[in-house]
Amino acid sequence: MGHSTARAALIYQHASADRDRLIADALSGLVKKGRKGTKQDRKSEGHAGGAAG
């Protein structure tokens, strides 16, 4: 990776993994927030989108 020592490479690799986890958690939170409203809407409409059946 171009670092002067293996130790330096490991430090940067660890920092990168921590940052990746923060990004993944933030994206997961956005998805969960976005799905909250849609679950209730789907339940009330039923499978056919509200058609009488």
N, C-alpha and C. Protein backbone atom coordinates (compact mmCIF):
# COMPACT_ATOMS: atom_id res chain seq x y z
N MET A 1 0.81 -1.20 0.00
CA MET A 1 0.00 0.00 0.00
C MET A 1 0.86 1.26 0.00
N GLY A 2 2.14 1.11 0.07
CA GLY A 2 3.00 2.27 0.03
C GLY A 2 3.40 2.81 1.38
N HIS A 3 3.01 2.16 2.47
CA HIS A 3 3.38 2.61 3.81
C HIS A 3 4.79 2.16 4.11
N SER A 4 5.46 2.90 4.98
CA SER A 4 6.86 2.61 5.27
C SER A 4 7.02 1.34 6.11
N THR A 5 6.02 1.00 6.91
CA THR A 5 6.10 -0.22 7.73
C THR A 5 4.76 -0.95 7.71
N ALA A 6 4.81 -2.23 8.05
CA ALA A 6 3.58 -3.01 8.15
C ALA A 6 2.70 -2.46 9.26
N ARG A 7 3.31 -1.96 10.32
CA ARG A 7 2.55 -1.39 11.44
C ARG A 7 1.73 -0.19 10.98
N ALA A 8 2.32 0.67 10.18
CA ALA A 8 1.61 1.84 9.66
C ALA A 8 0.42 1.40 8.81
N ALA A 9 0.63 0.38 7.99
CA ALA A 9 -0.46 -0.12 7.15
C ALA A 9 -1.59 -0.65 8.01
N LEU A 10 -1.28 -1.36 9.08
CA LEU A 10 -2.32 -1.90 9.97
C LEU A 10 -3.11 -0.80 10.67
N ILE A 11 -2.42 0.26 11.06
CA ILE A 11 -3.10 1.39 11.72
C ILE A 11 -4.13 2.00 10.76
N TYR A 12 -3.72 2.24 9.52
CA TYR A 12 -4.64 2.83 8.55
C TYR A 12 -5.77 1.86 8.19
N GLN A 13 -5.44 0.56 8.11
CA GLN A 13 -6.46 -0.44 7.80
C GLN A 13 -7.52 -0.47 8.90
N HIS A 14 -7.11 -0.39 10.16
CA HIS A 14 -8.04 -0.41 11.28
C HIS A 14 -8.93 0.84 11.25
N ALA A 15 -8.33 1.98 10.99
CA ALA A 15 -9.10 3.22 10.93
C ALA A 15 -10.12 3.17 9.80
N SER A 16 -9.74 2.58 8.69
CA SER A 16 -10.64 2.44 7.55
C SER A 16 -11.81 1.52 7.88
N ALA A 17 -11.53 0.42 8.56
CA ALA A 17 -12.59 -0.53 8.95
C ALA A 17 -13.58 0.13 9.90
N ASP A 18 -13.07 0.93 10.83
CA ASP A 18 -13.95 1.65 11.77
C ASP A 18 -14.85 2.63 11.02
N ARG A 19 -14.29 3.32 10.06
CA ARG A 19 -15.06 4.29 9.27
C ARG A 19 -16.11 3.57 8.42
N ASP A 20 -15.73 2.44 7.85
CA ASP A 20 -16.68 1.65 7.07
C ASP A 20 -17.86 1.21 7.93
N ARG A 21 -17.61 0.85 9.18
CA ARG A 21 -18.67 0.42 10.09
C ARG A 21 -19.61 1.59 10.38
N LEU A 22 -19.06 2.78 10.60
CA LEU A 22 -19.89 3.96 10.84
C LEU A 22 -20.79 4.27 9.65
N ILE A 23 -20.24 4.16 8.45
CA ILE A 23 -21.01 4.43 7.24
C ILE A 23 -22.11 3.39 7.08
N ALA A 24 -21.77 2.12 7.30
CA ALA A 24 -22.76 1.05 7.17
C ALA A 24 -23.89 1.21 8.18
N ASP A 25 -23.55 1.57 9.40
CA ASP A 25 -24.58 1.79 10.43
C ASP A 25 -25.50 2.96 10.08
N ALA A 26 -24.91 4.02 9.54
CA ALA A 26 -25.71 5.18 9.15
C ALA A 26 -26.66 4.83 8.01
N LEU A 27 -26.17 4.09 7.02
CA LEU A 27 -27.03 3.68 5.90
C LEU A 27 -28.14 2.75 6.38
N SER A 28 -27.80 1.85 7.29
CA SER A 28 -28.80 0.94 7.84
C SER A 28 -29.90 1.71 8.56
N GLY A 29 -29.51 2.72 9.31
CA GLY A 29 -30.49 3.56 10.00
C GLY A 29 -31.41 4.29 9.04
N LEU A 30 -30.86 4.77 7.93
CA LEU A 30 -31.68 5.45 6.93
C LEU A 30 -32.68 4.49 6.28
N VAL A 31 -32.23 3.27 6.01
CA VAL A 31 -33.13 2.28 5.40
C VAL A 31 -34.25 1.94 6.37
N LYS A 32 -33.91 1.72 7.63
CA LYS A 32 -34.93 1.39 8.63
C LYS A 32 -35.93 2.53 8.78
N LYS A 33 -35.43 3.74 8.79
CA LYS A 33 -36.31 4.91 8.90
C LYS A 33 -37.23 5.01 7.69
N GLY A 34 -36.72 4.74 6.53
CA GLY A 34 -37.51 4.80 5.31
C GLY A 34 -38.56 3.70 5.25
N ARG A 35 -38.29 2.57 5.85
CA ARG A 35 -39.22 1.44 5.81
C ARG A 35 -40.34 1.56 6.84
N LYS A 36 -40.16 2.35 7.85
CA LYS A 36 -41.16 2.47 8.92
C LYS A 36 -42.52 2.84 8.37
N GLY A 37 -42.60 3.85 7.52
CA GLY A 37 -43.87 4.29 6.97
C GLY A 37 -44.46 3.32 5.97
N THR A 38 -43.62 2.64 5.22
CA THR A 38 -44.13 1.77 4.17
C THR A 38 -44.74 0.49 4.73
N LYS A 39 -44.27 -0.02 5.83
CA LYS A 39 -44.83 -1.25 6.41
C LYS A 39 -46.29 -1.04 6.78
N GLN A 40 -46.60 0.06 7.41
CA GLN A 40 -47.98 0.33 7.82
C GLN A 40 -48.86 0.56 6.60
N ASP A 41 -48.34 1.25 5.61
CA ASP A 41 -49.12 1.51 4.40
C ASP A 41 -49.48 0.20 3.69
N ARG A 42 -48.53 -0.70 3.60
CA ARG A 42 -48.77 -1.98 2.95
C ARG A 42 -49.80 -2.79 3.71
N LYS A 43 -49.73 -2.76 5.04
CA LYS A 43 -50.66 -3.52 5.85
C LYS A 43 -52.09 -3.05 5.63
N SER A 44 -52.28 -1.74 5.59
CA SER A 44 -53.63 -1.21 5.47
C SER A 44 -54.21 -1.43 4.07
N GLU A 45 -53.35 -1.47 3.05
CA GLU A 45 -53.84 -1.65 1.70
C GLU A 45 -54.05 -3.11 1.33
N GLY A 46 -53.34 -3.98 1.94
CA GLY A 46 -53.43 -5.41 1.60
C GLY A 46 -52.63 -5.75 0.37
N HIS A 47 -52.71 -6.98 -0.03
CA HIS A 47 -51.88 -7.48 -1.13
C HIS A 47 -52.22 -6.83 -2.48
N ALA A 48 -53.48 -6.59 -2.72
CA ALA A 48 -53.91 -6.06 -4.02
C ALA A 48 -53.95 -4.54 -4.05
N GLY A 49 -53.31 -3.89 -3.11
CA GLY A 49 -53.25 -2.43 -3.12
C GLY A 49 -54.55 -1.76 -2.78
N GLY A 50 -55.35 -2.38 -1.92
CA GLY A 50 -56.58 -1.75 -1.47
C GLY A 50 -57.82 -2.20 -2.22
N ALA A 51 -57.66 -3.11 -3.17
CA ALA A 51 -58.81 -3.58 -3.93
C ALA A 51 -59.76 -4.39 -3.04
N ALA A 52 -61.02 -4.24 -3.26
CA ALA A 52 -62.01 -5.01 -2.49
C ALA A 52 -61.93 -6.46 -2.90
N GLY A 53 -62.05 -7.33 -1.92
CA GLY A 53 -61.89 -8.70 -2.33
C GLY A 53 -62.69 -9.62 -1.59
